[in-house]
Amino acid sequence: MATIYTSHARTRMALRGVSEAQVEQVLDKPENWFDDPDQHSVRLTKQVDGRLLKVWVVAPWPQDDRSVVKSVAWND
């Protein structure tokens, strides 16, 4: 599956010290996910490197061919 990062996601990753490898860990096997129909998103979460990483992707998720990452954040 291809991963596409929006410019907003890339900016947030740089500001928050999140790598593509960390995002891929969440996308591969999220521990939880929550639909956000108002934002047309799905929030995925997973413990990565001892911290909870949240990744927002374009709904619907999962898609067969790609994931579009909209934003990321650590849950501190």
Protein backbone atom coordinates (compact mmCIF):
# COMPACT_ATOMS: atom_id res chain seq x y z
CA MET A 1 0.00 0.00 0.00
CA ALA A 2 1.32 3.45 -0.90
CA THR A 3 1.43 6.21 1.69
CA ILE A 4 0.83 9.78 0.58
CA TYR A 5 1.68 12.63 2.94
CA THR A 6 -0.09 15.99 2.64
CA SER A 7 2.04 19.10 3.04
CA HIS A 8 0.27 19.71 6.37
CA ALA A 9 1.28 16.23 7.56
CA ARG A 10 4.90 16.80 6.52
CA THR A 11 4.98 20.12 8.38
CA ARG A 12 3.51 18.53 11.53
CA MET A 13 5.97 15.63 11.31
CA ALA A 14 8.91 18.05 11.16
CA LEU A 15 7.59 20.18 14.03
CA ARG A 16 6.80 17.19 16.24
CA GLY A 17 9.78 14.99 15.45
CA VAL A 18 7.80 12.19 13.81
CA SER A 19 9.48 10.05 11.17
CA GLU A 20 7.91 8.24 8.22
CA ALA A 21 8.98 4.96 9.82
CA GLN A 22 7.00 5.82 12.96
CA VAL A 23 3.93 6.73 10.90
CA GLU A 24 4.25 3.47 8.97
CA GLN A 25 4.22 1.53 12.28
CA VAL A 26 0.86 3.08 13.10
CA LEU A 27 -0.54 2.50 9.61
CA ASP A 28 0.62 -1.13 9.56
CA LYS A 29 -0.98 -2.15 12.88
CA PRO A 30 -2.94 0.56 14.71
CA GLU A 31 -4.02 -0.28 18.25
CA ASN A 32 -7.16 1.84 17.91
CA TRP A 33 -8.95 3.90 15.29
CA PHE A 34 -11.76 6.40 15.50
CA ASP A 35 -13.95 7.72 12.68
CA ASP A 36 -14.29 11.50 12.43
CA PRO A 37 -17.01 11.96 9.80
CA ASP A 38 -17.07 15.75 10.25
CA GLN A 39 -13.43 15.95 9.09
CA HIS A 40 -13.69 13.03 6.61
CA SER A 41 -10.86 11.41 8.58
CA VAL A 42 -9.92 8.40 10.64
CA ARG A 43 -7.61 8.85 13.64
CA LEU A 44 -5.28 5.90 14.19
CA THR A 45 -3.30 5.47 17.41
CA LYS A 46 -0.46 3.25 18.55
CA GLN A 47 2.31 3.19 21.15
CA VAL A 48 5.56 3.98 19.30
CA ASP A 49 8.88 4.35 21.12
CA GLY A 50 7.07 4.55 24.47
CA ARG A 51 4.69 7.32 23.40
CA LEU A 52 1.20 7.35 21.90
CA LEU A 53 1.32 8.49 18.28
CA LYS A 54 -1.86 9.73 16.61
CA VAL A 55 -2.11 9.69 12.81
CA TRP A 56 -5.05 11.13 10.89
CA VAL A 57 -5.78 9.66 7.47
CA VAL A 58 -8.38 10.45 4.82
CA ALA A 59 -11.53 8.36 5.18
CA PRO A 60 -12.46 5.72 4.32
CA TRP A 61 -9.73 3.68 5.93
CA PRO A 62 -8.30 1.25 5.13
CA GLN A 63 -8.19 1.70 1.39
CA ASP A 64 -6.84 -1.03 -0.86
CA ASP A 65 -4.18 0.96 -2.65
CA ARG A 66 -3.14 3.92 -0.49
CA SER A 67 -3.31 5.83 2.76
CA VAL A 68 -3.36 9.62 2.71
CA VAL A 69 -1.87 10.99 5.93
CA LYS A 70 -3.40 14.34 6.91
CA SER A 71 -1.71 15.05 10.25
CA VAL A 72 0.21 13.53 13.16
CA ALA A 73 0.65 14.27 16.88
CA TRP A 74 2.12 12.76 20.00
CA ASN A 75 -0.32 12.36 22.88
CA ASP A 76 1.72 13.98 25.63
